[in-house]
Amino acid sequence: MSGHIVVNGDVITVGEAEGLIRMICNDAKQIAGVFHNMERSLKFRANWPNEYVFADTQWKNFIEAARAMYADRLGNPKTTAADARKMHLAIVLYTMAEQGAEKDPRLQLAPNTQQFVGDPFENRKIADQFGKQSNSFAELALPEKRFH
């Protein structure tokens, strides 16, 4: 069966599998965008002024939040069977893709936590301890700064 993948007994096309992986990655990017728009420090803002650049480069920090969002929706009786199938397959496929790979050491950030929402007091402490200026490593991810 070339061009097909068996996932938990369900046969899907490689194209559908790719689309489902893209779906969970895009949802992680959406969550990263929400994170960006929360209470972030001035240093964070200096490092990441553009929400889209942040989301495009840091989305892997939010993959567990996307999985949790899918799990919540799978438990919701209002979720359609078609959507539930997609979310379940996306979770399984992403997990399959991670198997055998070295564990990703990135910190996973989850909505509805203080770390996700941000803290004005902590933001002031960051400014006092580390300043408000940008770090050069973050600037490298900004498109206008690349390869000049």
Protein backbone atom coordinates (compact mmCIF):
# COMPACT_ATOMS: atom_id res chain seq x y z
CA MET A 1 0.00 0.00 0.00
CA SER A 2 2.38 2.72 -1.13
CA GLY A 3 1.23 6.27 -0.57
CA HIS A 4 -0.75 5.19 2.50
CA ILE A 5 -0.09 5.04 6.23
CA VAL A 6 -1.87 2.89 8.81
CA VAL A 7 -2.57 4.84 11.99
CA ASN A 8 -4.34 2.94 14.76
CA GLY A 9 -5.97 0.72 12.13
CA ASP A 10 -7.09 3.72 10.06
CA VAL A 11 -5.62 3.88 6.54
CA ILE A 12 -4.84 7.43 5.40
CA THR A 13 -2.93 8.88 2.48
CA VAL A 14 0.51 10.36 2.91
CA GLY A 15 -0.99 13.69 1.81
CA GLU A 16 -3.64 13.53 4.53
CA ALA A 17 -0.95 12.66 7.09
CA GLU A 18 1.13 15.65 5.99
CA GLY A 19 -1.93 17.89 6.26
CA LEU A 20 -2.67 16.65 9.78
CA ILE A 21 0.92 17.29 10.89
CA ARG A 22 0.69 20.79 9.38
CA MET A 23 -2.59 21.31 11.24
CA ILE A 24 -1.12 20.60 14.69
CA CYS A 25 1.98 22.68 13.88
CA ASN A 26 -0.18 25.60 12.72
CA ASP A 27 -2.27 25.38 15.88
CA ALA A 28 0.95 25.48 17.92
CA LYS A 29 1.88 28.63 15.96
CA GLN A 30 -1.51 30.16 16.79
CA ILE A 31 -0.92 29.46 20.48
CA ALA A 32 2.56 31.00 20.17
CA GLY A 33 0.92 34.13 18.74
CA VAL A 34 -1.43 34.31 21.73
CA PHE A 35 1.57 33.92 24.05
CA HIS A 36 3.36 36.76 22.24
CA ASN A 37 0.42 39.08 22.84
CA MET A 38 0.30 38.44 26.58
CA GLU A 39 2.09 40.38 29.34
CA ARG A 40 5.69 40.12 28.12
CA SER A 41 8.75 42.00 29.33
CA LEU A 42 10.32 44.93 27.48
CA LYS A 43 13.33 42.69 26.82
CA PHE A 44 11.05 40.09 25.23
CA ARG A 45 9.45 42.81 23.11
CA ALA A 46 12.90 44.04 22.05
CA ASN A 47 13.89 40.49 21.10
CA TRP A 48 10.59 39.59 19.46
CA PRO A 49 8.81 42.69 18.12
CA ASN A 50 7.04 40.69 15.42
CA GLU A 51 4.38 38.17 16.51
CA TYR A 52 4.61 36.20 13.27
CA VAL A 53 8.39 35.81 13.37
CA PHE A 54 8.11 34.69 16.98
CA ALA A 55 5.39 32.15 16.15
CA ASP A 56 7.25 30.85 13.08
CA THR A 57 10.45 30.26 15.04
CA GLN A 58 9.17 29.32 18.51
CA TRP A 59 6.08 27.18 17.79
CA LYS A 60 7.69 23.98 19.07
CA ASN A 61 7.45 25.42 22.60
CA PHE A 62 3.67 25.19 22.23
CA ILE A 63 3.18 21.71 20.72
CA GLU A 64 2.10 20.23 24.07
CA ALA A 65 -0.45 23.04 24.42
CA ALA A 66 -1.83 22.14 20.98
CA ARG A 67 -2.06 18.47 22.01
CA ALA A 68 -3.86 19.47 25.22
CA MET A 69 -6.26 21.68 23.24
CA TYR A 70 -7.06 18.73 20.97
CA ALA A 71 -7.55 16.43 23.97
CA ASP A 72 -9.98 18.93 25.49
CA ARG A 73 -11.89 19.15 22.22
CA LEU A 74 -11.96 15.37 21.89
CA GLY A 75 -13.78 15.27 25.22
CA ASN A 76 -16.31 17.87 24.12
CA PRO A 77 -19.60 16.33 22.90
CA LYS A 78 -20.06 19.28 20.51
CA THR A 79 -16.94 18.29 18.54
CA THR A 80 -17.95 16.70 15.25
CA ALA A 81 -16.81 13.17 14.48
CA ALA A 82 -14.80 14.44 11.49
CA ASP A 83 -12.96 17.04 13.59
CA ALA A 84 -12.36 14.51 16.36
CA ARG A 85 -10.87 12.07 13.85
CA LYS A 86 -8.51 14.74 12.49
CA MET A 87 -7.36 15.87 15.93
CA HIS A 88 -6.84 12.30 17.15
CA LEU A 89 -4.87 11.35 14.04
CA ALA A 90 -2.80 14.55 14.29
CA ILE A 91 -1.83 13.74 17.90
CA VAL A 92 -0.94 10.15 17.00
CA LEU A 93 0.99 11.12 13.86
CA TYR A 94 3.00 13.83 15.62
CA THR A 95 3.80 11.37 18.41
CA MET A 96 4.84 8.76 15.83
CA ALA A 97 7.08 11.32 14.12
CA GLU A 98 8.82 12.02 17.43
CA GLN A 99 9.56 8.37 18.17
CA GLY A 100 13.17 7.45 17.81
CA ALA A 101 14.20 11.10 17.72
CA GLU A 102 16.18 12.76 20.48
CA LYS A 103 13.88 14.31 23.07
CA ASP A 104 13.28 17.99 22.35
CA PRO A 105 14.63 19.96 25.34
CA ARG A 106 12.44 23.02 24.73
CA LEU A 107 10.36 24.31 27.59
CA GLN A 108 6.70 23.67 26.85
CA LEU A 109 4.41 26.60 27.64
CA ALA A 110 0.73 26.09 28.38
CA PRO A 111 -2.16 28.57 28.28
CA ASN A 112 -3.81 29.57 31.56
CA THR A 113 -0.54 29.43 33.47
CA GLN A 114 1.34 32.38 34.98
CA GLN A 115 4.29 31.59 32.74
CA PHE A 116 2.05 31.85 29.66
CA VAL A 117 0.08 34.92 30.72
CA GLY A 118 3.07 36.82 32.07
CA ASP A 119 3.64 38.77 35.24
CA PRO A 120 4.26 42.54 35.45
CA PHE A 121 6.40 42.11 38.60
CA GLU A 122 8.55 39.47 36.92
CA ASN A 123 8.83 41.67 33.83
CA ARG A 124 10.21 44.50 35.99
CA LYS A 125 12.70 42.08 37.57
CA ILE A 126 13.85 41.00 34.11
CA ALA A 127 14.40 44.62 33.12
CA ASP A 128 16.34 45.30 36.34
CA GLN A 129 18.53 42.20 36.08
CA PHE A 130 19.02 41.90 32.33
CA GLY A 131 18.09 45.27 30.85
CA LYS A 132 15.63 46.10 28.11
CA GLN A 133 17.95 45.76 25.13
CA SER A 134 17.65 43.03 22.53
CA ASN A 135 19.87 39.95 22.54
CA SER A 136 21.82 39.40 19.34
CA PHE A 137 20.68 35.75 19.04
CA ALA A 138 17.02 36.78 18.81
CA GLU A 139 17.84 39.42 16.20
CA LEU A 140 19.21 36.68 13.95
CA ALA A 141 15.70 35.23 13.62
CA LEU A 142 14.24 38.50 12.39
CA PRO A 143 13.98 38.49 8.59
CA GLU A 144 15.23 42.05 8.10
CA LYS A 145 18.45 41.19 9.97
CA ARG A 146 19.32 37.98 8.12
CA PHE A 147 22.36 37.64 5.91
CA HIS A 148 23.32 41.31 5.80
